[in-house]
Amino acid sequence: MSPVREHYNPIITKLLREHDRLPHENVAERKSFQRQIMYLMNTIKLDEFEQSFT
């Protein structure tokens, strides 16, 4: 596992748990968690992509 993935995976897991605890009626809050998770996942992918060229 890449260092950046090891760093961000616990954060993503925490956000997923918080997202899952919210009731489905809290659409705005759930979407906020989803955006944060997607941002972190994209950060991981970008870093791994950049590392593949070094």
C-alpha atoms as a PDB file:
ATOM      1  CA  MET A   1       0.000   0.000   0.000  1.00  0.00           C
ATOM      2  CA  SER A   2       1.343   3.421  -0.900  1.00  0.00           C
ATOM      3  CA  PRO A   3       2.298   5.833   1.894  1.00  0.00           C
ATOM      4  CA  VAL A   4      -0.363   8.334   0.837  1.00  0.00           C
ATOM      5  CA  ARG A   5      -3.015   5.606   0.878  1.00  0.00           C
ATOM      6  CA  GLU A   6      -1.893   4.499   4.346  1.00  0.00           C
ATOM      7  CA  HIS A   7      -2.195   8.100   5.486  1.00  0.00           C
ATOM      8  CA  TYR A   8      -5.659   8.828   4.055  1.00  0.00           C
ATOM      9  CA  ASN A   9      -7.431   5.470   4.446  1.00  0.00           C
ATOM     10  CA  PRO A  10      -8.166   5.913   8.177  1.00  0.00           C
ATOM     11  CA  ILE A  11      -9.579   9.384   7.470  1.00  0.00           C
ATOM     12  CA  ILE A  12     -11.764   8.057   4.652  1.00  0.00           C
ATOM     13  CA  THR A  13     -12.972   5.190   6.836  1.00  0.00           C
ATOM     14  CA  LYS A  14     -13.909   7.644   9.610  1.00  0.00           C
ATOM     15  CA  LEU A  15     -15.832   9.827   7.143  1.00  0.00           C
ATOM     16  CA  LEU A  16     -17.648   6.790   5.737  1.00  0.00           C
ATOM     17  CA  ARG A  17     -18.739   5.729   9.216  1.00  0.00           C
ATOM     18  CA  GLU A  18     -20.006   9.217  10.011  1.00  0.00           C
ATOM     19  CA  HIS A  19     -21.824   9.319   6.664  1.00  0.00           C
ATOM     20  CA  ASP A  20     -23.476   5.976   7.326  1.00  0.00           C
ATOM     21  CA  ARG A  21     -24.699   7.107  10.760  1.00  0.00           C
ATOM     22  CA  LEU A  22     -26.654  10.016   9.285  1.00  0.00           C
ATOM     23  CA  PRO A  23     -30.320   9.489   8.491  1.00  0.00           C
ATOM     24  CA  HIS A  24     -31.171   9.462   4.788  1.00  0.00           C
ATOM     25  CA  GLU A  25     -33.188  12.664   5.274  1.00  0.00           C
ATOM     26  CA  ASN A  26     -29.974  14.638   5.910  1.00  0.00           C
ATOM     27  CA  VAL A  27     -29.214  14.887   2.204  1.00  0.00           C
ATOM     28  CA  ALA A  28     -27.027  18.007   2.363  1.00  0.00           C
ATOM     29  CA  GLU A  29     -24.857  16.625   5.172  1.00  0.00           C
ATOM     30  CA  ARG A  30     -24.520  13.245   3.458  1.00  0.00           C
ATOM     31  CA  LYS A  31     -23.480  14.942   0.206  1.00  0.00           C
ATOM     32  CA  SER A  32     -20.898  16.972   2.100  1.00  0.00           C
ATOM     33  CA  PHE A  33     -19.351  13.756   3.457  1.00  0.00           C
ATOM     34  CA  GLN A  34     -19.444  12.239  -0.029  1.00  0.00           C
ATOM     35  CA  ARG A  35     -17.592  15.244  -1.491  1.00  0.00           C
ATOM     36  CA  GLN A  36     -14.913  15.037   1.198  1.00  0.00           C
ATOM     37  CA  ILE A  37     -14.458  11.313   0.599  1.00  0.00           C
ATOM     38  CA  MET A  38     -14.243  11.747  -3.168  1.00  0.00           C
ATOM     39  CA  TYR A  39     -11.716  14.562  -2.771  1.00  0.00           C
ATOM     40  CA  LEU A  40      -9.466  12.385  -0.610  1.00  0.00           C
ATOM     41  CA  MET A  41      -9.796   9.425  -2.971  1.00  0.00           C
ATOM     42  CA  ASN A  42      -8.864  11.646  -5.916  1.00  0.00           C
ATOM     43  CA  THR A  43      -5.891  12.966  -3.944  1.00  0.00           C
ATOM     44  CA  ILE A  44      -4.681   9.409  -3.405  1.00  0.00           C
ATOM     45  CA  LYS A  45      -5.090   8.494  -7.076  1.00  0.00           C
ATOM     46  CA  LEU A  46      -3.305  11.646  -8.250  1.00  0.00           C
ATOM     47  CA  ASP A  47      -0.367  11.049  -5.917  1.00  0.00           C
ATOM     48  CA  GLU A  48      -0.079   7.399  -6.958  1.00  0.00           C
ATOM     49  CA  PHE A  49      -0.271   8.429 -10.619  1.00  0.00           C
ATOM     50  CA  GLU A  50       2.487  11.007 -10.126  1.00  0.00           C
ATOM     51  CA  GLN A  51       4.622   8.457  -8.270  1.00  0.00           C
ATOM     52  CA  SER A  52       4.330   6.015 -11.161  1.00  0.00           C
ATOM     53  CA  PHE A  53       6.411   8.407 -13.274  1.00  0.00           C
ATOM     54  CA  THR A  54       9.284   8.751 -10.809  1.00  0.00           C
END
